[in-house]
């Protein structure tokens, strides 16, 4: 099984002083995530996943957030 998701938009945020930041092209945000998995019998599942985003909280500092890894699930 597999899944791909993506979002794109605009997100407002406030500066440390509490005043809204002026609107600009830098306010555009996007995120993407994908996963690929396989059933290992009737009780176990193995997933590989990756996600990346640049939402306003990361954008204000000029950085992106990403996450990746593997997940093994076993149902008792």
N, C-alpha and C. Protein backbone atom coordinates (compact mmCIF):
# COMPACT_ATOMS: atom_id res chain seq x y z
N UNK A 1 0.83 -1.18 0.00
CA UNK A 1 0.00 0.00 0.00
C UNK A 1 0.87 1.24 0.00
N UNK A 2 0.30 2.36 -0.41
CA UNK A 2 1.05 3.60 -0.48
C UNK A 2 0.12 4.79 -0.26
N UNK A 3 0.71 5.94 0.04
CA UNK A 3 -0.05 7.17 0.24
C UNK A 3 0.86 8.36 -0.06
N UNK A 4 0.33 9.33 -0.77
CA UNK A 4 1.05 10.59 -1.05
C UNK A 4 0.08 11.73 -0.74
N UNK A 5 0.54 12.72 0.02
CA UNK A 5 -0.28 13.89 0.34
C UNK A 5 0.55 15.15 0.14
N UNK A 6 -0.11 16.21 -0.22
CA UNK A 6 0.58 17.48 -0.35
C UNK A 6 -0.38 18.63 -0.05
N UNK A 7 0.16 19.70 0.49
CA UNK A 7 -0.62 20.91 0.74
C UNK A 7 0.18 22.11 0.28
N UNK A 8 -0.52 23.15 -0.12
CA UNK A 8 0.11 24.39 -0.53
C UNK A 8 -0.83 25.51 -0.15
N UNK A 9 -0.32 26.58 0.39
CA UNK A 9 -1.20 27.67 0.77
C UNK A 9 -0.45 28.86 1.29
N UNK A 10 -1.15 29.66 2.07
CA UNK A 10 -0.58 30.86 2.67
C UNK A 10 -0.93 30.85 4.14
N UNK A 11 0.01 31.18 4.99
CA UNK A 11 -0.22 31.14 6.42
C UNK A 11 0.30 32.43 7.05
N UNK A 12 -0.57 33.12 7.78
CA UNK A 12 -0.19 34.34 8.49
C UNK A 12 0.41 33.99 9.84
N UNK A 13 1.34 34.79 10.29
CA UNK A 13 1.91 34.62 11.62
C UNK A 13 2.31 35.97 12.17
N UNK A 14 2.49 36.05 13.46
CA UNK A 14 2.85 37.30 14.13
C UNK A 14 4.32 37.28 14.51
N UNK A 15 4.92 38.46 14.55
CA UNK A 15 6.30 38.58 14.97
C UNK A 15 6.37 38.48 16.49
N UNK A 16 7.55 38.46 17.04
CA UNK A 16 7.72 38.34 18.49
C UNK A 16 7.08 39.51 19.24
N UNK A 17 7.00 40.67 18.61
CA UNK A 17 6.40 41.84 19.25
C UNK A 17 4.88 41.78 19.26
N UNK A 18 4.29 40.81 18.58
CA UNK A 18 2.85 40.66 18.56
C UNK A 18 2.17 41.32 17.38
N UNK A 19 2.90 42.10 16.59
CA UNK A 19 2.33 42.72 15.40
C UNK A 19 2.36 41.73 14.24
N UNK A 20 1.33 41.74 13.40
CA UNK A 20 1.34 40.82 12.27
C UNK A 20 2.50 41.13 11.33
N UNK A 21 3.10 40.10 10.79
CA UNK A 21 4.16 40.30 9.80
C UNK A 21 3.52 40.76 8.49
N UNK A 22 4.18 41.65 7.74
CA UNK A 22 3.61 42.10 6.47
C UNK A 22 3.49 40.92 5.49
N UNK A 23 2.43 40.90 4.71
CA UNK A 23 2.22 39.83 3.73
C UNK A 23 3.28 39.91 2.64
N UNK A 24 3.78 38.78 2.23
CA UNK A 24 4.77 38.72 1.16
C UNK A 24 4.74 37.33 0.56
N UNK A 25 5.54 37.13 -0.48
CA UNK A 25 5.64 35.80 -1.08
C UNK A 25 6.22 34.79 -0.11
N UNK A 26 6.96 35.25 0.90
CA UNK A 26 7.57 34.36 1.89
C UNK A 26 6.52 33.71 2.79
N UNK A 27 5.26 34.20 2.75
CA UNK A 27 4.21 33.63 3.58
C UNK A 27 3.63 32.35 2.98
N UNK A 28 4.01 32.00 1.77
CA UNK A 28 3.51 30.78 1.15
C UNK A 28 4.15 29.58 1.83
N UNK A 29 3.36 28.59 2.08
CA UNK A 29 3.85 27.39 2.76
C UNK A 29 3.43 26.15 1.98
N UNK A 30 4.18 25.08 2.17
CA UNK A 30 3.85 23.82 1.52
C UNK A 30 4.35 22.66 2.36
N UNK A 31 3.71 21.53 2.16
CA UNK A 31 4.12 20.31 2.86
C UNK A 31 3.86 19.12 1.95
N UNK A 32 4.68 18.11 2.11
CA UNK A 32 4.51 16.88 1.35
C UNK A 32 4.81 15.71 2.27
N UNK A 33 4.06 14.64 2.11
CA UNK A 33 4.36 13.43 2.86
C UNK A 33 4.04 12.23 1.98
N UNK A 34 4.80 11.18 2.18
CA UNK A 34 4.61 9.95 1.41
C UNK A 34 4.94 8.76 2.29
N UNK A 35 4.24 7.67 2.05
CA UNK A 35 4.56 6.44 2.76
C UNK A 35 4.34 5.25 1.83
N UNK A 36 5.08 4.22 2.09
CA UNK A 36 5.01 2.98 1.32
C UNK A 36 5.07 1.85 2.33
N UNK A 37 4.15 0.91 2.22
CA UNK A 37 4.11 -0.15 3.22
C UNK A 37 3.76 -1.49 2.62
N UNK A 38 3.95 -2.52 3.43
CA UNK A 38 3.63 -3.88 3.02
C UNK A 38 3.10 -4.65 4.22
N UNK A 39 2.10 -5.46 3.98
CA UNK A 39 1.59 -6.35 5.02
C UNK A 39 2.48 -7.60 5.06
N UNK A 40 2.92 -7.94 6.25
CA UNK A 40 3.74 -9.14 6.46
C UNK A 40 2.87 -10.17 7.16
N UNK A 41 2.04 -10.82 6.42
CA UNK A 41 1.09 -11.74 7.02
C UNK A 41 -0.17 -10.99 7.43
N UNK A 42 -0.93 -11.56 8.37
CA UNK A 42 -2.18 -10.94 8.79
C UNK A 42 -2.02 -10.01 9.99
N UNK A 43 -0.89 -10.06 10.70
CA UNK A 43 -0.72 -9.27 11.92
C UNK A 43 0.38 -8.20 11.85
N UNK A 44 1.29 -8.28 10.93
CA UNK A 44 2.43 -7.36 10.91
C UNK A 44 2.40 -6.47 9.66
N UNK A 45 2.85 -5.24 9.85
CA UNK A 45 2.93 -4.26 8.76
C UNK A 45 4.26 -3.51 8.86
N UNK A 46 4.91 -3.31 7.73
CA UNK A 46 6.16 -2.55 7.67
C UNK A 46 5.91 -1.32 6.79
N UNK A 47 6.20 -0.12 7.32
CA UNK A 47 6.02 1.14 6.61
C UNK A 47 7.33 1.89 6.52
N UNK A 48 7.55 2.57 5.41
CA UNK A 48 8.63 3.55 5.26
C UNK A 48 7.93 4.88 4.97
N UNK A 49 8.37 5.98 5.62
CA UNK A 49 7.69 7.26 5.46
C UNK A 49 8.67 8.41 5.36
N UNK A 50 8.21 9.51 4.75
CA UNK A 50 8.99 10.74 4.63
C UNK A 50 8.02 11.91 4.59
N UNK A 51 8.34 12.99 5.29
CA UNK A 51 7.54 14.21 5.22
C UNK A 51 8.44 15.42 5.36
N UNK A 52 8.01 16.52 4.73
CA UNK A 52 8.76 17.78 4.79
C UNK A 52 7.76 18.93 4.77
N UNK A 53 8.01 19.96 5.56
CA UNK A 53 7.12 21.12 5.57
C UNK A 53 7.92 22.39 5.84
N UNK A 54 7.35 23.50 5.41
CA UNK A 54 7.93 24.80 5.72
C UNK A 54 6.82 25.74 6.20
N UNK A 55 6.03 25.27 7.17
CA UNK A 55 4.95 26.09 7.73
C UNK A 55 5.51 27.34 8.39
N UNK A 56 4.65 28.27 8.71
CA UNK A 56 5.07 29.59 9.16
C UNK A 56 6.02 29.56 10.35
N UNK A 57 5.82 28.66 11.28
CA UNK A 57 6.72 28.64 12.43
C UNK A 57 8.15 28.29 12.02
N UNK A 58 8.32 27.42 11.04
CA UNK A 58 9.66 27.15 10.54
C UNK A 58 10.12 28.25 9.59
N UNK A 59 9.17 28.80 8.80
CA UNK A 59 9.51 29.82 7.82
C UNK A 59 10.05 31.08 8.48
N UNK A 60 9.52 31.42 9.65
CA UNK A 60 9.98 32.63 10.36
C UNK A 60 11.45 32.52 10.72
N UNK A 61 11.95 31.32 10.95
CA UNK A 61 13.36 31.14 11.27
C UNK A 61 14.17 30.76 10.04
N UNK A 62 13.50 30.59 8.90
CA UNK A 62 14.20 30.26 7.67
C UNK A 62 14.57 28.79 7.54
N UNK A 63 13.90 27.92 8.25
CA UNK A 63 14.24 26.50 8.18
C UNK A 63 13.03 25.66 7.78
N UNK A 64 13.30 24.44 7.39
CA UNK A 64 12.26 23.48 7.08
C UNK A 64 12.29 22.37 8.11
N UNK A 65 11.20 21.66 8.22
CA UNK A 65 11.14 20.49 9.11
C UNK A 65 10.94 19.26 8.25
N UNK A 66 11.68 18.20 8.55
CA UNK A 66 11.48 16.95 7.81
C UNK A 66 11.55 15.78 8.79
N UNK A 67 10.93 14.71 8.37
CA UNK A 67 10.87 13.51 9.20
C UNK A 67 10.84 12.31 8.29
N UNK A 68 11.60 11.27 8.63
CA UNK A 68 11.59 10.05 7.83
C UNK A 68 11.92 8.87 8.73
N UNK A 69 11.57 7.69 8.27
CA UNK A 69 11.90 6.51 9.06
C UNK A 69 11.12 5.29 8.63
N UNK A 70 11.19 4.27 9.47
CA UNK A 70 10.50 3.01 9.26
C UNK A 70 9.63 2.72 10.46
N UNK A 71 8.56 2.01 10.23
CA UNK A 71 7.68 1.63 11.32
C UNK A 71 7.27 0.17 11.13
N UNK A 72 7.42 -0.61 12.18
CA UNK A 72 7.01 -2.01 12.18
C UNK A 72 5.88 -2.15 13.20
N UNK A 73 4.72 -2.57 12.75
CA UNK A 73 3.57 -2.74 13.65
C UNK A 73 3.20 -4.21 13.71
N UNK A 74 2.89 -4.66 14.91
CA UNK A 74 2.45 -6.04 15.10
C UNK A 74 1.21 -6.04 15.98
N UNK A 75 0.15 -6.63 15.51
CA UNK A 75 -1.11 -6.70 16.27
C UNK A 75 -1.19 -8.01 17.02
N UNK A 76 -1.47 -7.93 18.31
CA UNK A 76 -1.60 -9.12 19.15
C UNK A 76 -3.00 -9.64 19.13
